[in-house]
Amino acid sequence: MTALVGAESLQEAALRIRRHIVDMCAGPEGGHLGGSLSSADILTVLYFSVMNIDPGAPADPGRDVFLLSKGHGAIGLYATLAERGYFPVEELATYARPGSRLMGHPVRAVPGVEMPTGSLGHGLALGLGFALSARLAGRASRSFVLMGDGELQEGSCWEAAIAAAAQGADNLVAVIDRNGLQLTGHTEQIAPLEPLADRWRAFNWAVREVDGHDHEALREALASAPWEPGRPSALVARTVKGQGLAMVAGKPNSHYATLTERMHARLVRALQAGDR
């Protein structure tokens, strides 16, 4: 069901998604700018090149499932779903407005959103549920869960990791947006996570690490999952918070932004100029 697109088209799609993210942050409520930009390439590759999906039939039982466990990155998911054809791109302008279904965290009223998310630490368990359900039904669909690295400080993530390995859920893929930052600073200064890949291996997962902004590396890893029969897969995607905009990249204060008209214009010009 998914139409594969080439490298140039993936770059173009990712740029359009980043432009939508910046535009939504200029609305009255602002948005989670940095973490949405860091995951934009992961979402682009999943939705445009890897997942078995049909935007015209979002509830097709044979579809691959995606869950945004880091629900605060909702504007990145909305931008991706709109660009992929789940709803009109023009609807993005309603984000956070009264009466809009595009809320600060994903809700099921939005086509393509499988479950409401936002309370950190729950997405992996939900993804495991989808994965086990597919296996019981004899379906070949996979369950992809995008997690934040700061989110891994929640113990419930590791409870789900234990359960997934115990169940041999090799149709479950966790993608960790490893940008190294969270709301109040650097993850390694707040609650260290390294060696992160080894931690997942210790929980009996098959693990790979990639540059989370390298489309071909992401596509190769995600398309080929599961990597080991009988084991769930964890992809540690090394990313930069605010990727795509040198003015905000790697800065903790990019976590949430309500852009002024002037700042919005600056960031749009920077995107158009390829200022990375």
C-alpha atoms as a PDB file:
ATOM      1  CA  MET A   1       0.000   0.000   0.000  1.00  0.00           C
ATOM      2  CA  THR A   2       2.874   2.394   0.686  1.00  0.00           C
ATOM      3  CA  ALA A   3       4.310   4.080  -2.401  1.00  0.00           C
ATOM      4  CA  LEU A   4       8.097   4.217  -2.130  1.00  0.00           C
ATOM      5  CA  VAL A   5       9.680   7.545  -2.950  1.00  0.00           C
ATOM      6  CA  GLY A   6      13.262   8.392  -3.839  1.00  0.00           C
ATOM      7  CA  ALA A   7      15.917  10.140  -1.795  1.00  0.00           C
ATOM      8  CA  GLU A   8      15.282  13.551  -3.345  1.00  0.00           C
ATOM      9  CA  SER A   9      11.558  13.294  -2.712  1.00  0.00           C
ATOM     10  CA  LEU A  10      12.161  12.262   0.896  1.00  0.00           C
ATOM     11  CA  GLN A  11      14.278  15.378   1.379  1.00  0.00           C
ATOM     12  CA  GLU A  12      11.535  17.494  -0.142  1.00  0.00           C
ATOM     13  CA  ALA A  13       8.877  15.887   2.054  1.00  0.00           C
ATOM     14  CA  ALA A  14      10.987  16.390   5.184  1.00  0.00           C
ATOM     15  CA  LEU A  15      11.492  20.056   4.314  1.00  0.00           C
ATOM     16  CA  ARG A  16       7.753  20.587   3.851  1.00  0.00           C
ATOM     17  CA  ILE A  17       7.113  18.870   7.184  1.00  0.00           C
ATOM     18  CA  ARG A  18       9.644  21.146   8.901  1.00  0.00           C
ATOM     19  CA  ARG A  19       7.985  24.201   7.334  1.00  0.00           C
ATOM     20  CA  HIS A  20       4.607  23.093   8.720  1.00  0.00           C
ATOM     21  CA  ILE A  21       6.160  22.588  12.178  1.00  0.00           C
ATOM     22  CA  VAL A  22       7.555  26.111  12.171  1.00  0.00           C
ATOM     23  CA  ASP A  23       4.248  27.532  10.962  1.00  0.00           C
ATOM     24  CA  MET A  24       2.294  25.788  13.749  1.00  0.00           C
ATOM     25  CA  CYS A  25       4.702  27.168  16.353  1.00  0.00           C
ATOM     26  CA  ALA A  26       3.705  30.639  15.187  1.00  0.00           C
ATOM     27  CA  GLY A  27       0.088  30.024  16.229  1.00  0.00           C
ATOM     28  CA  PRO A  28      -1.474  31.285  19.470  1.00  0.00           C
ATOM     29  CA  GLU A  29      -0.466  28.238  21.523  1.00  0.00           C
ATOM     30  CA  GLY A  30       2.973  27.647  20.050  1.00  0.00           C
ATOM     31  CA  GLY A  31       4.331  24.119  19.944  1.00  0.00           C
ATOM     32  CA  HIS A  32       7.139  21.698  20.735  1.00  0.00           C
ATOM     33  CA  LEU A  33       9.575  22.930  18.130  1.00  0.00           C
ATOM     34  CA  GLY A  34      12.879  21.203  18.907  1.00  0.00           C
ATOM     35  CA  GLY A  35      11.662  17.650  19.454  1.00  0.00           C
ATOM     36  CA  SER A  36       9.346  17.825  16.454  1.00  0.00           C
ATOM     37  CA  LEU A  37      12.213  18.910  14.210  1.00  0.00           C
ATOM     38  CA  SER A  38      14.511  16.193  15.597  1.00  0.00           C
ATOM     39  CA  SER A  39      12.026  13.457  14.677  1.00  0.00           C
ATOM     40  CA  ALA A  40      10.946  14.890  11.294  1.00  0.00           C
ATOM     41  CA  ASP A  41      13.306  12.675   9.277  1.00  0.00           C
ATOM     42  CA  ILE A  42      12.272   9.537  11.173  1.00  0.00           C
ATOM     43  CA  LEU A  43       8.603  10.260  10.504  1.00  0.00           C
ATOM     44  CA  THR A  44       9.291  11.061   6.858  1.00  0.00           C
ATOM     45  CA  VAL A  45      11.055   7.769   6.231  1.00  0.00           C
ATOM     46  CA  LEU A  46       8.459   5.728   8.112  1.00  0.00           C
ATOM     47  CA  TYR A  47       5.434   7.239   6.381  1.00  0.00           C
ATOM     48  CA  PHE A  48       6.863   7.737   2.882  1.00  0.00           C
ATOM     49  CA  SER A  49       9.128   4.737   2.482  1.00  0.00           C
ATOM     50  CA  VAL A  50       8.704   2.020   5.092  1.00  0.00           C
ATOM     51  CA  MET A  51       5.279   1.455   6.642  1.00  0.00           C
ATOM     52  CA  ASN A  52       2.557  -0.548   4.947  1.00  0.00           C
ATOM     53  CA  ILE A  53      -0.232   2.034   5.103  1.00  0.00           C
ATOM     54  CA  ASP A  54      -3.066   3.434   3.037  1.00  0.00           C
ATOM     55  CA  PRO A  55      -4.160   6.977   3.982  1.00  0.00           C
ATOM     56  CA  GLY A  56      -7.479   6.294   2.247  1.00  0.00           C
ATOM     57  CA  ALA A  57      -8.135   3.332   4.571  1.00  0.00           C
ATOM     58  CA  PRO A  58      -6.504   4.270   7.896  1.00  0.00           C
ATOM     59  CA  ALA A  59      -8.257   1.418   9.735  1.00  0.00           C
ATOM     60  CA  ASP A  60      -7.246  -1.334   7.289  1.00  0.00           C
ATOM     61  CA  PRO A  61      -6.598  -4.351   9.546  1.00  0.00           C
ATOM     62  CA  GLY A  62      -3.470  -5.267   7.591  1.00  0.00           C
ATOM     63  CA  ARG A  63      -1.821  -1.873   8.110  1.00  0.00           C
ATOM     64  CA  ASP A  64       1.363  -1.233  10.002  1.00  0.00           C
ATOM     65  CA  VAL A  65       0.705   0.693  13.210  1.00  0.00           C
ATOM     66  CA  PHE A  66       2.506   3.824  14.382  1.00  0.00           C
ATOM     67  CA  LEU A  67       2.371   5.267  17.896  1.00  0.00           C
ATOM     68  CA  LEU A  68       3.914   8.589  18.886  1.00  0.00           C
ATOM     69  CA  SER A  69       4.878   7.777  22.445  1.00  0.00           C
ATOM     70  CA  LYS A  70       6.527  11.203  22.784  1.00  0.00           C
ATOM     71  CA  GLY A  71       3.115  12.743  22.284  1.00  0.00           C
ATOM     72  CA  HIS A  72       4.398  16.265  22.812  1.00  0.00           C
ATOM     73  CA  GLY A  73       5.814  16.011  19.295  1.00  0.00           C
ATOM     74  CA  ALA A  74       2.282  16.051  17.903  1.00  0.00           C
ATOM     75  CA  ILE A  75       2.835  18.881  15.431  1.00  0.00           C
ATOM     76  CA  GLY A  76       5.469  16.806  13.649  1.00  0.00           C
ATOM     77  CA  LEU A  77       3.039  13.903  13.375  1.00  0.00           C
ATOM     78  CA  TYR A  78       0.227  16.173  12.155  1.00  0.00           C
ATOM     79  CA  ALA A  79       2.475  17.647   9.495  1.00  0.00           C
ATOM     80  CA  THR A  80       3.512  14.161   8.352  1.00  0.00           C
ATOM     81  CA  LEU A  81      -0.032  12.800   8.271  1.00  0.00           C
ATOM     82  CA  ALA A  82      -1.232  15.797   6.274  1.00  0.00           C
ATOM     83  CA  GLU A  83       1.627  15.540   3.784  1.00  0.00           C
ATOM     84  CA  ARG A  84       0.957  11.803   3.451  1.00  0.00           C
ATOM     85  CA  GLY A  85      -2.699  12.434   2.619  1.00  0.00           C
ATOM     86  CA  TYR A  86      -4.591  11.512   5.789  1.00  0.00           C
ATOM     87  CA  PHE A  87      -6.275  14.938   5.857  1.00  0.00           C
ATOM     88  CA  PRO A  88      -5.930  18.210   3.936  1.00  0.00           C
ATOM     89  CA  VAL A  89      -2.732  20.162   4.507  1.00  0.00           C
ATOM     90  CA  GLU A  90      -4.848  23.294   4.938  1.00  0.00           C
ATOM     91  CA  GLU A  91      -6.227  21.875   8.197  1.00  0.00           C
ATOM     92  CA  LEU A  92      -2.814  22.346   9.834  1.00  0.00           C
ATOM     93  CA  ALA A  93      -3.651  26.065  10.101  1.00  0.00           C
ATOM     94  CA  THR A  94      -6.344  25.156  12.644  1.00  0.00           C
ATOM     95  CA  TYR A  95      -3.833  23.649  15.077  1.00  0.00           C
ATOM     96  CA  ALA A  96      -4.666  24.555  18.702  1.00  0.00           C
ATOM     97  CA  ARG A  97      -7.528  26.801  17.597  1.00  0.00           C
ATOM     98  CA  PRO A  98     -10.946  26.517  19.275  1.00  0.00           C
ATOM     99  CA  GLY A  99     -12.880  23.601  17.767  1.00  0.00           C
ATOM    100  CA  SER A 100      -9.859  22.077  16.007  1.00  0.00           C
ATOM    101  CA  ARG A 101      -9.188  18.352  16.253  1.00  0.00           C
ATOM    102  CA  LEU A 102      -5.445  19.076  16.096  1.00  0.00           C
ATOM    103  CA  MET A 103      -4.724  19.347  19.792  1.00  0.00           C
ATOM    104  CA  GLY A 104      -1.451  19.705  21.696  1.00  0.00           C
ATOM    105  CA  HIS A 105      -1.166  15.937  22.006  1.00  0.00           C
ATOM    106  CA  PRO A 106      -2.491  13.393  19.468  1.00  0.00           C
ATOM    107  CA  VAL A 107      -6.097  12.219  19.776  1.00  0.00           C
ATOM    108  CA  ARG A 108      -7.981   9.590  17.789  1.00  0.00           C
ATOM    109  CA  ALA A 109     -10.201  12.193  16.139  1.00  0.00           C
ATOM    110  CA  VAL A 110      -7.249  12.847  13.823  1.00  0.00           C
ATOM    111  CA  PRO A 111      -7.117  10.367  10.896  1.00  0.00           C
ATOM    112  CA  GLY A 112      -4.064   8.158  11.237  1.00  0.00           C
ATOM    113  CA  VAL A 113      -3.731   8.550  15.014  1.00  0.00           C
ATOM    114  CA  GLU A 114      -4.104   5.084  16.531  1.00  0.00           C
ATOM    115  CA  MET A 115      -4.276   6.024  20.220  1.00  0.00           C
ATOM    116  CA  PRO A 116      -4.115   9.210  22.288  1.00  0.00           C
ATOM    117  CA  THR A 117      -0.615   9.732  23.683  1.00  0.00           C
ATOM    118  CA  GLY A 118       1.149  12.337  25.721  1.00  0.00           C
ATOM    119  CA  SER A 119       1.614  10.931  29.176  1.00  0.00           C
ATOM    120  CA  LEU A 120       5.167   9.699  28.736  1.00  0.00           C
ATOM    121  CA  GLY A 121       6.100   6.072  29.204  1.00  0.00           C
ATOM    122  CA  HIS A 122       2.953   4.428  27.834  1.00  0.00           C
ATOM    123  CA  GLY A 123       3.535   4.186  24.091  1.00  0.00           C
ATOM    124  CA  LEU A 124       5.722   1.088  24.097  1.00  0.00           C
ATOM    125  CA  ALA A 125       3.178  -0.926  26.085  1.00  0.00           C
ATOM    126  CA  LEU A 126       0.451   0.184  23.678  1.00  0.00           C
ATOM    127  CA  GLY A 127       2.642  -0.782  20.751  1.00  0.00           C
ATOM    128  CA  LEU A 128       3.217  -4.197  22.271  1.00  0.00           C
ATOM    129  CA  GLY A 129      -0.537  -4.649  22.548  1.00  0.00           C
ATOM    130  CA  PHE A 130      -0.977  -3.887  18.850  1.00  0.00           C
ATOM    131  CA  ALA A 131       1.887  -6.238  18.000  1.00  0.00           C
ATOM    132  CA  LEU A 132       0.489  -9.146  20.015  1.00  0.00           C
ATOM    133  CA  SER A 133      -2.989  -8.557  18.606  1.00  0.00           C
ATOM    134  CA  ALA A 134      -1.635  -8.750  15.056  1.00  0.00           C
ATOM    135  CA  ARG A 135       0.232 -11.956  15.850  1.00  0.00           C
ATOM    136  CA  LEU A 136      -2.853 -13.583  17.365  1.00  0.00           C
ATOM    137  CA  ALA A 137      -4.875 -12.609  14.293  1.00  0.00           C
ATOM    138  CA  GLY A 138      -2.230 -14.021  11.958  1.00  0.00           C
ATOM    139  CA  ARG A 139      -1.516 -10.630  10.387  1.00  0.00           C
ATOM    140  CA  ALA A 140       1.956  -9.658   9.171  1.00  0.00           C
ATOM    141  CA  SER A 141       1.660  -6.030  10.285  1.00  0.00           C
ATOM    142  CA  ARG A 142       4.357  -4.380  12.367  1.00  0.00           C
ATOM    143  CA  SER A 143       4.022  -1.927  15.238  1.00  0.00           C
ATOM    144  CA  PHE A 144       6.375   1.087  15.246  1.00  0.00           C
ATOM    145  CA  VAL A 145       6.736   3.217  18.403  1.00  0.00           C
ATOM    146  CA  LEU A 146       8.619   6.531  18.379  1.00  0.00           C
ATOM    147  CA  MET A 147       9.966   7.337  21.832  1.00  0.00           C
ATOM    148  CA  GLY A 148      11.829  10.296  23.282  1.00  0.00           C
ATOM    149  CA  ASP A 149      15.118   9.694  25.067  1.00  0.00           C
ATOM    150  CA  GLY A 150      14.054  11.690  28.124  1.00  0.00           C
ATOM    151  CA  GLU A 151      10.960   9.518  28.153  1.00  0.00           C
ATOM    152  CA  LEU A 152      13.152   6.509  28.913  1.00  0.00           C
ATOM    153  CA  GLN A 153      13.500   7.822  32.461  1.00  0.00           C
ATOM    154  CA  GLU A 154       9.980   6.438  32.972  1.00  0.00           C
ATOM    155  CA  GLY A 155      10.112   2.944  34.487  1.00  0.00           C
ATOM    156  CA  SER A 156       7.037   1.842  32.550  1.00  0.00           C
ATOM    157  CA  CYS A 157       9.108   1.925  29.348  1.00  0.00           C
ATOM    158  CA  TRP A 158      11.368  -0.797  30.707  1.00  0.00           C
ATOM    159  CA  GLU A 159       8.438  -2.841  32.022  1.00  0.00           C
ATOM    160  CA  ALA A 160       7.107  -2.887  28.469  1.00  0.00           C
ATOM    161  CA  ALA A 161      10.578  -3.748  27.152  1.00  0.00           C
ATOM    162  CA  ILE A 162      10.733  -6.758  29.488  1.00  0.00           C
ATOM    163  CA  ALA A 163       7.272  -7.927  28.451  1.00  0.00           C
ATOM    164  CA  ALA A 164       7.983  -7.516  24.728  1.00  0.00           C
ATOM    165  CA  ALA A 165      11.145  -9.602  24.937  1.00  0.00           C
ATOM    166  CA  ALA A 166       9.385 -12.244  27.040  1.00  0.00           C
ATOM    167  CA  GLN A 167       6.657 -12.481  24.410  1.00  0.00           C
ATOM    168  CA  GLY A 168       9.150 -12.673  21.544  1.00  0.00           C
ATOM    169  CA  ALA A 169       7.344  -9.771  19.862  1.00  0.00           C
ATOM    170  CA  ASP A 170       9.539  -9.456  16.792  1.00  0.00           C
ATOM    171  CA  ASN A 171       6.843  -7.433  15.005  1.00  0.00           C
ATOM    172  CA  LEU A 172       7.452  -4.551  17.462  1.00  0.00           C
ATOM    173  CA  VAL A 173       9.975  -1.821  16.596  1.00  0.00           C
ATOM    174  CA  ALA A 174      10.955   0.916  19.063  1.00  0.00           C
ATOM    175  CA  VAL A 175      12.622   3.989  17.558  1.00  0.00           C
ATOM    176  CA  ILE A 176      14.364   6.212  20.095  1.00  0.00           C
ATOM    177  CA  ASP A 177      14.767   9.877  19.136  1.00  0.00           C
ATOM    178  CA  ARG A 178      18.142  10.241  20.862  1.00  0.00           C
ATOM    179  CA  ASN A 179      18.644  14.018  20.754  1.00  0.00           C
ATOM    180  CA  GLY A 180      20.191  14.194  24.237  1.00  0.00           C
ATOM    181  CA  LEU A 181      17.954  16.991  25.490  1.00  0.00           C
ATOM    182  CA  GLN A 182      14.777  17.222  27.501  1.00  0.00           C
ATOM    183  CA  LEU A 183      12.672  20.046  28.932  1.00  0.00           C
ATOM    184  CA  THR A 184      15.141  21.213  31.563  1.00  0.00           C
ATOM    185  CA  GLY A 185      18.502  20.352  30.042  1.00  0.00           C
ATOM    186  CA  HIS A 186      20.758  17.516  28.897  1.00  0.00           C
ATOM    187  CA  THR A 187      19.557  13.968  29.582  1.00  0.00           C
ATOM    188  CA  GLU A 188      23.031  12.890  30.668  1.00  0.00           C
ATOM    189  CA  GLN A 189      23.103  15.584  33.347  1.00  0.00           C
ATOM    190  CA  ILE A 190      19.586  14.890  34.621  1.00  0.00           C
ATOM    191  CA  ALA A 191      19.410  11.080  34.531  1.00  0.00           C
ATOM    192  CA  PRO A 192      22.138   9.421  32.408  1.00  0.00           C
ATOM    193  CA  LEU A 193      21.008   6.874  29.818  1.00  0.00           C
ATOM    194  CA  GLU A 194      24.295   5.718  28.310  1.00  0.00           C
ATOM    195  CA  PRO A 195      25.279   3.161  27.239  1.00  0.00           C
ATOM    196  CA  LEU A 196      21.778   3.301  25.786  1.00  0.00           C
ATOM    197  CA  ALA A 197      22.122   0.646  23.089  1.00  0.00           C
ATOM    198  CA  ASP A 198      23.630  -1.798  25.581  1.00  0.00           C
ATOM    199  CA  ARG A 199      20.709  -1.218  27.929  1.00  0.00           C
ATOM    200  CA  TRP A 200      18.279  -2.352  25.244  1.00  0.00           C
ATOM    201  CA  ARG A 201      20.490  -5.351  24.472  1.00  0.00           C
ATOM    202  CA  ALA A 202      20.431  -6.267  28.146  1.00  0.00           C
ATOM    203  CA  PHE A 203      16.660  -6.445  27.873  1.00  0.00           C
ATOM    204  CA  ASN A 204      17.095  -9.012  25.065  1.00  0.00           C
ATOM    205  CA  TRP A 205      16.179  -6.724  22.181  1.00  0.00           C
ATOM    206  CA  ALA A 206      17.879  -6.670  18.779  1.00  0.00           C
ATOM    207  CA  VAL A 207      19.521  -3.229  18.590  1.00  0.00           C
ATOM    208  CA  ARG A 208      20.939  -0.963  15.908  1.00  0.00           C
ATOM    209  CA  GLU A 209      22.155   2.629  15.963  1.00  0.00           C
ATOM    210  CA  VAL A 210      21.913   5.110  13.075  1.00  0.00           C
ATOM    211  CA  ASP A 211      22.218   8.788  12.249  1.00  0.00           C
ATOM    212  CA  GLY A 212      18.590   9.812  12.738  1.00  0.00           C
ATOM    213  CA  HIS A 213      18.806  12.356   9.928  1.00  0.00           C
ATOM    214  CA  ASP A 214      20.251   9.962   7.328  1.00  0.00           C
ATOM    215  CA  HIS A 215      17.237   8.905   5.281  1.00  0.00           C
ATOM    216  CA  GLU A 216      18.883   5.953   3.594  1.00  0.00           C
ATOM    217  CA  ALA A 217      20.297   4.585   6.860  1.00  0.00           C
ATOM    218  CA  LEU A 218      16.892   4.956   8.523  1.00  0.00           C
ATOM    219  CA  ARG A 219      15.123   3.326   5.588  1.00  0.00           C
ATOM    220  CA  GLU A 220      17.479   0.368   5.453  1.00  0.00           C
ATOM    221  CA  ALA A 221      17.198  -0.298   9.188  1.00  0.00           C
ATOM    222  CA  LEU A 222      13.457   0.201   9.536  1.00  0.00           C
ATOM    223  CA  ALA A 223      12.455  -1.611   6.361  1.00  0.00           C
ATOM    224  CA  SER A 224      14.464  -4.698   7.304  1.00  0.00           C
ATOM    225  CA  ALA A 225      13.014  -5.113  10.817  1.00  0.00           C
ATOM    226  CA  PRO A 226      12.675  -7.534  12.527  1.00  0.00           C
ATOM    227  CA  TRP A 227      16.435  -8.014  12.603  1.00  0.00           C
ATOM    228  CA  GLU A 228      16.366 -11.207  14.649  1.00  0.00           C
ATOM    229  CA  PRO A 229      13.531 -13.752  14.751  1.00  0.00           C
ATOM    230  CA  GLY A 230      11.777 -13.860  18.108  1.00  0.00           C
ATOM    231  CA  ARG A 231      13.245 -10.577  19.391  1.00  0.00           C
ATOM    232  CA  PRO A 232      11.776  -7.067  19.243  1.00  0.00           C
ATOM    233  CA  SER A 233      13.873  -4.399  17.534  1.00  0.00           C
ATOM    234  CA  ALA A 234      15.157  -1.117  19.004  1.00  0.00           C
ATOM    235  CA  LEU A 235      16.640   1.551  16.732  1.00  0.00           C
ATOM    236  CA  VAL A 236      18.632   4.227  18.549  1.00  0.00           C
ATOM    237  CA  ALA A 237      18.425   7.189  16.164  1.00  0.00           C
ATOM    238  CA  ARG A 238      21.059   9.813  16.995  1.00  0.00           C
ATOM    239  CA  THR A 239      19.424  13.152  16.281  1.00  0.00           C
ATOM    240  CA  VAL A 240      19.800  16.876  16.959  1.00  0.00           C
ATOM    241  CA  LYS A 241      17.031  18.763  18.693  1.00  0.00           C
ATOM    242  CA  GLY A 242      15.932  21.545  16.362  1.00  0.00           C
ATOM    243  CA  GLN A 243      17.555  19.840  13.350  1.00  0.00           C
ATOM    244  CA  GLY A 244      17.175  21.862  10.165  1.00  0.00           C
ATOM    245  CA  LEU A 245      17.514  25.280  11.750  1.00  0.00           C
ATOM    246  CA  ALA A 246      20.969  26.339  12.896  1.00  0.00           C
ATOM    247  CA  MET A 247      19.479  29.085  15.077  1.00  0.00           C
ATOM    248  CA  VAL A 248      17.806  26.584  17.394  1.00  0.00           C
ATOM    249  CA  ALA A 249      19.630  23.288  16.761  1.00  0.00           C
ATOM    250  CA  GLY A 250      21.065  21.653  19.860  1.00  0.00           C
ATOM    251  CA  LYS A 251      19.617  24.222  22.235  1.00  0.00           C
ATOM    252  CA  PRO A 252      17.487  23.118  25.207  1.00  0.00           C
ATOM    253  CA  ASN A 253      15.310  26.236  24.952  1.00  0.00           C
ATOM    254  CA  SER A 254      14.041  25.028  21.577  1.00  0.00           C
ATOM    255  CA  HIS A 255      11.904  22.512  23.480  1.00  0.00           C
ATOM    256  CA  TYR A 256       8.788  24.678  23.235  1.00  0.00           C
ATOM    257  CA  ALA A 257       8.309  27.867  21.283  1.00  0.00           C
ATOM    258  CA  THR A 258       5.621  30.405  20.565  1.00  0.00           C
ATOM    259  CA  LEU A 259       7.125  32.264  17.651  1.00  0.00           C
ATOM    260  CA  THR A 260       6.649  35.958  17.141  1.00  0.00           C
ATOM    261  CA  GLU A 261       5.869  37.141  13.634  1.00  0.00           C
ATOM    262  CA  ARG A 262       9.453  38.314  13.260  1.00  0.00           C
ATOM    263  CA  MET A 263      11.007  35.072  14.515  1.00  0.00           C
ATOM    264  CA  HIS A 264       8.641  33.020  12.368  1.00  0.00           C
ATOM    265  CA  ALA A 265       9.745  34.926   9.288  1.00  0.00           C
ATOM    266  CA  ARG A 266      13.417  34.425  10.203  1.00  0.00           C
ATOM    267  CA  LEU A 267      13.027  30.681  10.615  1.00  0.00           C
ATOM    268  CA  VAL A 268      11.075  30.322   7.380  1.00  0.00           C
ATOM    269  CA  ARG A 269      13.808  32.178   5.511  1.00  0.00           C
ATOM    270  CA  ALA A 270      16.422  29.958   7.156  1.00  0.00           C
ATOM    271  CA  LEU A 271      14.591  26.804   6.099  1.00  0.00           C
ATOM    272  CA  GLN A 272      14.268  28.051   2.543  1.00  0.00           C
ATOM    273  CA  ALA A 273      17.964  28.893   2.482  1.00  0.00           C
ATOM    274  CA  GLY A 274      18.917  25.479   3.846  1.00  0.00           C
ATOM    275  CA  ASP A 275      20.522  27.076   6.907  1.00  0.00           C
ATOM    276  CA  ARG A 276      21.473  23.975   8.859  1.00  0.00           C
END
